[in-house]
PDB file of N, CA and C in Angstrom:
ATOM      1  N   MET A   1       0.844  -1.212   0.033  1.00  0.00           N
ATOM      2  CA  MET A   1       0.012   0.009  -0.037  1.00  0.00           C
ATOM      3  C   MET A   1       0.916   1.272   0.000  1.00  0.00           C
ATOM      4  N   GLY A   2       1.966   1.270   0.739  1.00  0.00           N
ATOM      5  CA  GLY A   2       2.801   2.460   0.696  1.00  0.00           C
ATOM      6  C   GLY A   2       3.089   3.204   1.889  1.00  0.00           C
ATOM      7  N   THR A   3       3.756   4.265   1.787  1.00  0.00           N
ATOM      8  CA  THR A   3       4.111   5.132   2.898  1.00  0.00           C
ATOM      9  C   THR A   3       3.396   6.473   2.788  1.00  0.00           C
ATOM     10  N   TYR A   4       2.938   7.007   3.937  1.00  0.00           N
ATOM     11  CA  TYR A   4       2.133   8.200   3.914  1.00  0.00           C
ATOM     12  C   TYR A   4       2.671   9.207   4.994  1.00  0.00           C
ATOM     13  N   THR A   5       2.581  10.446   4.699  1.00  0.00           N
ATOM     14  CA  THR A   5       2.840  11.474   5.758  1.00  0.00           C
ATOM     15  C   THR A   5       1.670  11.752   6.591  1.00  0.00           C
ATOM     16  N   LEU A   6       1.838  12.016   7.850  1.00  0.00           N
ATOM     17  CA  LEU A   6       0.679  12.342   8.752  1.00  0.00           C
ATOM     18  C   LEU A   6       0.707  13.935   8.916  1.00  0.00           C
ATOM     19  N   LYS A   7      -0.412  14.529   8.883  1.00  0.00           N
ATOM     20  CA  LYS A   7      -0.505  15.960   9.172  1.00  0.00           C
ATOM     21  C   LYS A   7      -0.041  16.118  10.605  1.00  0.00           C
ATOM     22  N   SER A   8       0.900  17.106  10.756  1.00  0.00           N
ATOM     23  CA  SER A   8       1.481  17.325  12.087  1.00  0.00           C
ATOM     24  C   SER A   8       1.666  18.820  12.274  1.00  0.00           C
ATOM     25  N   PHE A   9       2.132  19.177  13.503  1.00  0.00           N
ATOM     26  CA  PHE A   9       2.334  20.532  13.831  1.00  0.00           C
ATOM     27  C   PHE A   9       3.737  21.017  13.550  1.00  0.00           C
ATOM     28  N   GLY A  10       3.906  22.269  13.192  1.00  0.00           N
ATOM     29  CA  GLY A  10       5.265  22.798  13.091  1.00  0.00           C
ATOM     30  C   GLY A  10       6.072  22.060  11.962  1.00  0.00           C
ATOM     31  N   LYS A  11       7.424  21.917  12.219  1.00  0.00           N
ATOM     32  CA  LYS A  11       8.341  21.312  11.231  1.00  0.00           C
ATOM     33  C   LYS A  11       8.387  19.858  11.398  1.00  0.00           C
ATOM     34  N   GLN A  12       7.721  19.262  12.342  1.00  0.00           N
ATOM     35  CA  GLN A  12       7.754  17.849  12.595  1.00  0.00           C
ATOM     36  C   GLN A  12       7.113  17.069  11.389  1.00  0.00           C
ATOM     37  N   THR A  13       7.797  15.997  10.983  1.00  0.00           N
ATOM     38  CA  THR A  13       7.263  15.159   9.945  1.00  0.00           C
ATOM     39  C   THR A  13       7.135  13.735  10.423  1.00  0.00           C
ATOM     40  N   ASP A  14       5.868  13.208  10.402  1.00  0.00           N
ATOM     41  CA  ASP A  14       5.581  11.923  10.855  1.00  0.00           C
ATOM     42  C   ASP A  14       5.176  11.048   9.637  1.00  0.00           C
ATOM     43  N   TYR A  15       5.571   9.795   9.729  1.00  0.00           N
ATOM     44  CA  TYR A  15       5.291   8.867   8.620  1.00  0.00           C
ATOM     45  C   TYR A  15       4.508   7.633   9.038  1.00  0.00           C
ATOM     46  N   MET A  16       3.672   7.115   8.145  1.00  0.00           N
ATOM     47  CA  MET A  16       2.932   5.859   8.481  1.00  0.00           C
ATOM     48  C   MET A  16       3.169   4.967   7.241  1.00  0.00           C
ATOM     49  N   THR A  17       3.604   3.769   7.499  1.00  0.00           N
ATOM     50  CA  THR A  17       3.819   2.811   6.502  1.00  0.00           C
ATOM     51  C   THR A  17       2.800   1.619   6.722  1.00  0.00           C
ATOM     52  N   VAL A  18       2.077   1.166   5.675  1.00  0.00           N
ATOM     53  CA  VAL A  18       1.177   0.078   5.776  1.00  0.00           C
ATOM     54  C   VAL A  18       2.023  -1.224   5.655  1.00  0.00           C
ATOM     55  N   VAL A  19       1.937  -1.986   6.856  1.00  0.00           N
ATOM     56  CA  VAL A  19       2.771  -3.198   6.914  1.00  0.00           C
ATOM     57  C   VAL A  19       2.002  -4.426   6.347  1.00  0.00           C
ATOM     58  N   ARG A  20       0.659  -4.422   6.637  1.00  0.00           N
ATOM     59  CA  ARG A  20      -0.066  -5.561   6.133  1.00  0.00           C
ATOM     60  C   ARG A  20      -1.558  -5.173   5.968  1.00  0.00           C
ATOM     61  N   GLU A  21      -2.137  -5.628   4.890  1.00  0.00           N
ATOM     62  CA  GLU A  21      -3.570  -5.423   4.706  1.00  0.00           C
ATOM     63  C   GLU A  21      -4.389  -6.574   5.174  1.00  0.00           C
ATOM     64  N   MET A  22      -5.457  -6.281   5.845  1.00  0.00           N
ATOM     65  CA  MET A  22      -6.343  -7.343   6.357  1.00  0.00           C
ATOM     66  C   MET A  22      -7.710  -7.101   5.731  1.00  0.00           C
ATOM     67  N   ASP A  23      -8.629  -8.099   6.020  1.00  0.00           N
ATOM     68  CA  ASP A  23     -10.075  -7.930   5.411  1.00  0.00           C
ATOM     69  C   ASP A  23     -10.687  -6.613   5.770  1.00  0.00           C
ATOM     70  N   ASP A  24     -10.596  -6.177   7.003  1.00  0.00           N
ATOM     71  CA  ASP A  24     -11.329  -5.005   7.452  1.00  0.00           C
ATOM     72  C   ASP A  24     -10.418  -3.812   7.812  1.00  0.00           C
ATOM     73  N   GLY A  25      -9.108  -3.865   7.552  1.00  0.00           N
ATOM     74  CA  GLY A  25      -8.189  -2.748   7.867  1.00  0.00           C
ATOM     75  C   GLY A  25      -6.811  -3.045   7.540  1.00  0.00           C
ATOM     76  N   TYR A  26      -5.926  -2.248   8.191  1.00  0.00           N
ATOM     77  CA  TYR A  26      -4.451  -2.326   7.983  1.00  0.00           C
ATOM     78  C   TYR A  26      -3.652  -2.367   9.184  1.00  0.00           C
ATOM     79  N   VAL A  27      -2.559  -3.029   9.185  1.00  0.00           N
ATOM     80  CA  VAL A  27      -1.574  -2.956  10.228  1.00  0.00           C
ATOM     81  C   VAL A  27      -0.599  -1.914   9.795  1.00  0.00           C
ATOM     82  N   VAL A  28      -0.323  -0.880  10.588  1.00  0.00           N
ATOM     83  CA  VAL A  28       0.538   0.264  10.136  1.00  0.00           C
ATOM     84  C   VAL A  28       1.657   0.466  11.156  1.00  0.00           C
ATOM     85  N   ARG A  29       2.735   1.006  10.660  1.00  0.00           N
ATOM     86  CA  ARG A  29       3.933   1.372  11.510  1.00  0.00           C
ATOM     87  C   ARG A  29       4.061   2.893  11.363  1.00  0.00           C
ATOM     88  N   ILE A  30       3.903   3.534  12.508  1.00  0.00           N
ATOM     89  CA  ILE A  30       3.966   4.974  12.623  1.00  0.00           C
ATOM     90  C   ILE A  30       5.248   5.441  13.186  1.00  0.00           C
ATOM     91  N   VAL A  31       6.000   6.284  12.485  1.00  0.00           N
ATOM     92  CA  VAL A  31       7.248   6.738  12.991  1.00  0.00           C
ATOM     93  C   VAL A  31       7.109   8.307  13.154  1.00  0.00           C
ATOM     94  N   ARG A  32       7.228   8.758  14.444  1.00  0.00           N
ATOM     95  CA  ARG A  32       7.185  10.151  14.805  1.00  0.00           C
ATOM     96  C   ARG A  32       8.515  10.618  15.152  1.00  0.00           C
ATOM     97  N   ASP A  33       9.034  11.750  14.613  1.00  0.00           N
ATOM     98  CA  ASP A  33      10.338  12.278  14.906  1.00  0.00           C
ATOM     99  C   ASP A  33      10.149  13.521  15.773  1.00  0.00           C
ATOM    100  N   ALA A  34      10.524  13.435  16.993  1.00  0.00           N
ATOM    101  CA  ALA A  34      10.349  14.567  17.995  1.00  0.00           C
ATOM    102  C   ALA A  34      11.746  14.982  18.419  1.00  0.00           C
ATOM    103  N   ASP A  35      12.272  16.032  17.790  1.00  0.00           N
ATOM    104  CA  ASP A  35      13.628  16.577  18.190  1.00  0.00           C
ATOM    105  C   ASP A  35      14.718  15.546  18.135  1.00  0.00           C
ATOM    106  N   GLY A  36      14.724  14.708  17.059  1.00  0.00           N
ATOM    107  CA  GLY A  36      15.817  13.709  16.815  1.00  0.00           C
ATOM    108  C   GLY A  36      15.456  12.363  17.523  1.00  0.00           C
ATOM    109  N   TYR A  37      14.468  12.319  18.281  1.00  0.00           N
ATOM    110  CA  TYR A  37      14.040  11.009  18.959  1.00  0.00           C
ATOM    111  C   TYR A  37      12.901  10.372  18.154  1.00  0.00           C
ATOM    112  N   GLU A  38      13.044   9.166  17.678  1.00  0.00           N
ATOM    113  CA  GLU A  38      12.046   8.489  16.980  1.00  0.00           C
ATOM    114  C   GLU A  38      11.122   7.697  17.856  1.00  0.00           C
ATOM    115  N   ASP A  39       9.874   7.906  17.779  1.00  0.00           N
ATOM    116  CA  ASP A  39       8.853   7.129  18.505  1.00  0.00           C
ATOM    117  C   ASP A  39       8.210   6.258  17.420  1.00  0.00           C
ATOM    118  N   VAL A  40       8.354   4.894  17.464  1.00  0.00           N
ATOM    119  CA  VAL A  40       7.855   3.961  16.556  1.00  0.00           C
ATOM    120  C   VAL A  40       6.711   3.215  17.165  1.00  0.00           C
ATOM    121  N   THR A  41       5.603   3.145  16.505  1.00  0.00           N
ATOM    122  CA  THR A  41       4.404   2.405  17.053  1.00  0.00           C
ATOM    123  C   THR A  41       3.780   1.537  15.860  1.00  0.00           C
ATOM    124  N   THR A  42       3.346   0.359  16.253  1.00  0.00           N
ATOM    125  CA  THR A  42       2.724  -0.452  15.301  1.00  0.00           C
ATOM    126  C   THR A  42       1.295  -0.545  15.805  1.00  0.00           C
ATOM    127  N   ASP A  43       0.377  -0.423  14.886  1.00  0.00           N
ATOM    128  CA  ASP A  43      -1.081  -0.313  15.353  1.00  0.00           C
ATOM    129  C   ASP A  43      -1.952  -0.804  14.128  1.00  0.00           C
ATOM    130  N   TYR A  44      -3.349  -0.835  14.504  1.00  0.00           N
ATOM    131  CA  TYR A  44      -4.334  -1.222  13.480  1.00  0.00           C
ATOM    132  C   TYR A  44      -5.204  -0.062  13.138  1.00  0.00           C
ATOM    133  N   ILE A  45      -5.547   0.125  11.953  1.00  0.00           N
ATOM    134  CA  ILE A  45      -6.518   1.137  11.451  1.00  0.00           C
ATOM    135  C   ILE A  45      -7.556   0.551  10.516  1.00  0.00           C
ATOM    136  N   SER A  46      -8.732   0.782  10.774  1.00  0.00           N
ATOM    137  CA  SER A  46      -9.864   0.203   9.901  1.00  0.00           C
ATOM    138  C   SER A  46      -9.823   0.928   8.563  1.00  0.00           C
ATOM    139  N   LYS A  47     -10.340   0.184   7.522  1.00  0.00           N
ATOM    140  CA  LYS A  47     -10.352   0.702   6.200  1.00  0.00           C
ATOM    141  C   LYS A  47     -11.186   1.949   6.126  1.00  0.00           C
ATOM    142  N   ALA A  48     -12.334   1.983   6.859  1.00  0.00           N
ATOM    143  CA  ALA A  48     -13.135   3.137   6.837  1.00  0.00           C
ATOM    144  C   ALA A  48     -12.487   4.447   7.411  1.00  0.00           C
ATOM    145  N   LEU A  49     -11.696   4.223   8.465  1.00  0.00           N
ATOM    146  CA  LEU A  49     -10.892   5.369   9.066  1.00  0.00           C
ATOM    147  C   LEU A  49      -9.807   5.739   8.086  1.00  0.00           C
ATOM    148  N   PHE A  50      -9.133   4.768   7.557  1.00  0.00           N
ATOM    149  CA  PHE A  50      -8.047   5.036   6.604  1.00  0.00           C
ATOM    150  C   PHE A  50      -8.542   5.893   5.382  1.00  0.00           C
ATOM    151  N   ASP A  51      -9.676   5.505   4.819  1.00  0.00           N
ATOM    152  CA  ASP A  51     -10.275   6.215   3.708  1.00  0.00           C
ATOM    153  C   ASP A  51     -10.668   7.592   4.125  1.00  0.00           C
ATOM    154  N   SER A  52     -11.207   7.763   5.302  1.00  0.00           N
ATOM    155  CA  SER A  52     -11.598   9.121   5.771  1.00  0.00           C
ATOM    156  C   SER A  52     -10.353   9.994   5.935  1.00  0.00           C
ATOM    157  N   CYS A  53      -9.254   9.424   6.491  1.00  0.00           N
ATOM    158  CA  CYS A  53      -7.993  10.237   6.610  1.00  0.00           C
ATOM    159  C   CYS A  53      -7.497  10.655   5.232  1.00  0.00           C
ATOM    160  N   ILE A  54      -7.570   9.858   4.260  1.00  0.00           N
ATOM    161  CA  ILE A  54      -7.183  10.261   2.922  1.00  0.00           C
ATOM    162  C   ILE A  54      -8.079  11.424   2.355  1.00  0.00           C
ATOM    163  N   ARG A  55      -9.338  11.224   2.544  1.00  0.00           N
ATOM    164  CA  ARG A  55     -10.326  12.252   2.047  1.00  0.00           C
ATOM    165  C   ARG A  55     -10.058  13.571   2.645  1.00  0.00           C
ATOM    166  N   THR A  56      -9.792  13.627   3.946  1.00  0.00           N
ATOM    167  CA  THR A  56      -9.648  14.861   4.697  1.00  0.00           C
ATOM    168  C   THR A  56      -8.195  15.449   4.648  1.00  0.00           C
ATOM    169  N   GLY A  57      -7.303  14.669   4.092  1.00  0.00           N
ATOM    170  CA  GLY A  57      -5.991  15.170   3.970  1.00  0.00           C
ATOM    171  C   GLY A  57      -5.113  14.968   5.251  1.00  0.00           C
ATOM    172  N   TYR A  58      -5.594  14.218   6.204  1.00  0.00           N
ATOM    173  CA  TYR A  58      -4.838  13.966   7.391  1.00  0.00           C
ATOM    174  C   TYR A  58      -3.622  13.119   7.062  1.00  0.00           C
ATOM    175  N   ILE A  59      -3.758  12.161   6.113  1.00  0.00           N
ATOM    176  CA  ILE A  59      -2.585  11.385   5.638  1.00  0.00           C
ATOM    177  C   ILE A  59      -2.584  11.595   4.049  1.00  0.00           C
ATOM    178  N   THR A  60      -1.278  11.640   3.536  1.00  0.00           N
ATOM    179  CA  THR A  60      -1.027  11.880   2.169  1.00  0.00           C
ATOM    180  C   THR A  60       0.043  10.902   1.674  1.00  0.00           C
ATOM    181  N   LYS A  61      -0.230  10.253   0.559  1.00  0.00           N
ATOM    182  CA  LYS A  61       0.674   9.289   0.060  1.00  0.00           C
ATOM    183  C   LYS A  61       1.975   9.915  -0.390  1.00  0.00           C
ATOM    184  N   VAL A  62       3.076   9.286  -0.100  1.00  0.00           N
ATOM    185  CA  VAL A  62       4.394   9.687  -0.348  1.00  0.00           C
ATOM    186  C   VAL A  62       4.861   9.210  -1.699  1.00  0.00           C
ATOM    187  N   ALA A  63       5.553  10.023  -2.503  1.00  0.00           N
ATOM    188  CA  ALA A  63       6.035   9.634  -3.814  1.00  0.00           C
ATOM    189  C   ALA A  63       7.009   8.469  -3.688  1.00  0.00           C
ATOM    190  N   ALA A  64       7.099   7.655  -4.705  1.00  0.00           N
ATOM    191  CA  ALA A  64       7.882   6.404  -4.597  1.00  0.00           C
ATOM    192  C   ALA A  64       9.425   6.714  -4.291  1.00  0.00           C
ATOM    193  N   SER A  65       9.924   7.813  -4.819  1.00  0.00           N
ATOM    194  CA  SER A  65      11.392   8.084  -4.559  1.00  0.00           C
ATOM    195  C   SER A  65      11.628   8.473  -3.063  1.00  0.00           C
ATOM    196  N   VAL A  66      10.728   9.078  -2.504  1.00  0.00           N
ATOM    197  CA  VAL A  66      10.871   9.488  -1.093  1.00  0.00           C
ATOM    198  C   VAL A  66      10.574   8.216  -0.178  1.00  0.00           C
ATOM    199  N   GLU A  67       9.696   7.320  -0.633  1.00  0.00           N
ATOM    200  CA  GLU A  67       9.353   6.139   0.074  1.00  0.00           C
ATOM    201  C   GLU A  67      10.582   5.225   0.225  1.00  0.00           C
ATOM    202  N   ALA A  68      11.364   5.138  -0.778  1.00  0.00           N
ATOM    203  CA  ALA A  68      12.617   4.232  -0.672  1.00  0.00           C
ATOM    204  C   ALA A  68      13.516   4.815   0.357  1.00  0.00           C
ATOM    205  N   VAL A  69      13.659   6.088   0.535  1.00  0.00           N
ATOM    206  CA  VAL A  69      14.562   6.721   1.490  1.00  0.00           C
ATOM    207  C   VAL A  69      14.126   6.490   2.973  1.00  0.00           C
ATOM    208  N   THR A  70      12.769   6.483   3.207  1.00  0.00           N
ATOM    209  CA  THR A  70      12.192   6.300   4.535  1.00  0.00           C
ATOM    210  C   THR A  70      12.134   4.860   4.945  1.00  0.00           C
ATOM    211  N   ALA A  71      12.276   3.924   4.084  1.00  0.00           N
ATOM    212  CA  ALA A  71      12.072   2.503   4.446  1.00  0.00           C
ATOM    213  C   ALA A  71      13.285   1.981   5.152  1.00  0.00           C
TER     214      ALA A  71
END
């Protein structure tokens, strides 16, 4: 599915990578960079919530060239 940026405050850039697709949702890995400290979380997000986040611009797909650097 790919890598996405999360809408965040200030200069902070947070990323979410879809690790696995399931019937009703996705397992995602979220990496938040706070002043050089990485907070990595693995979580579940339903397909309905994922689609809503795409529609509202809360998450945005990252271009393939940037995706290779973040992996």
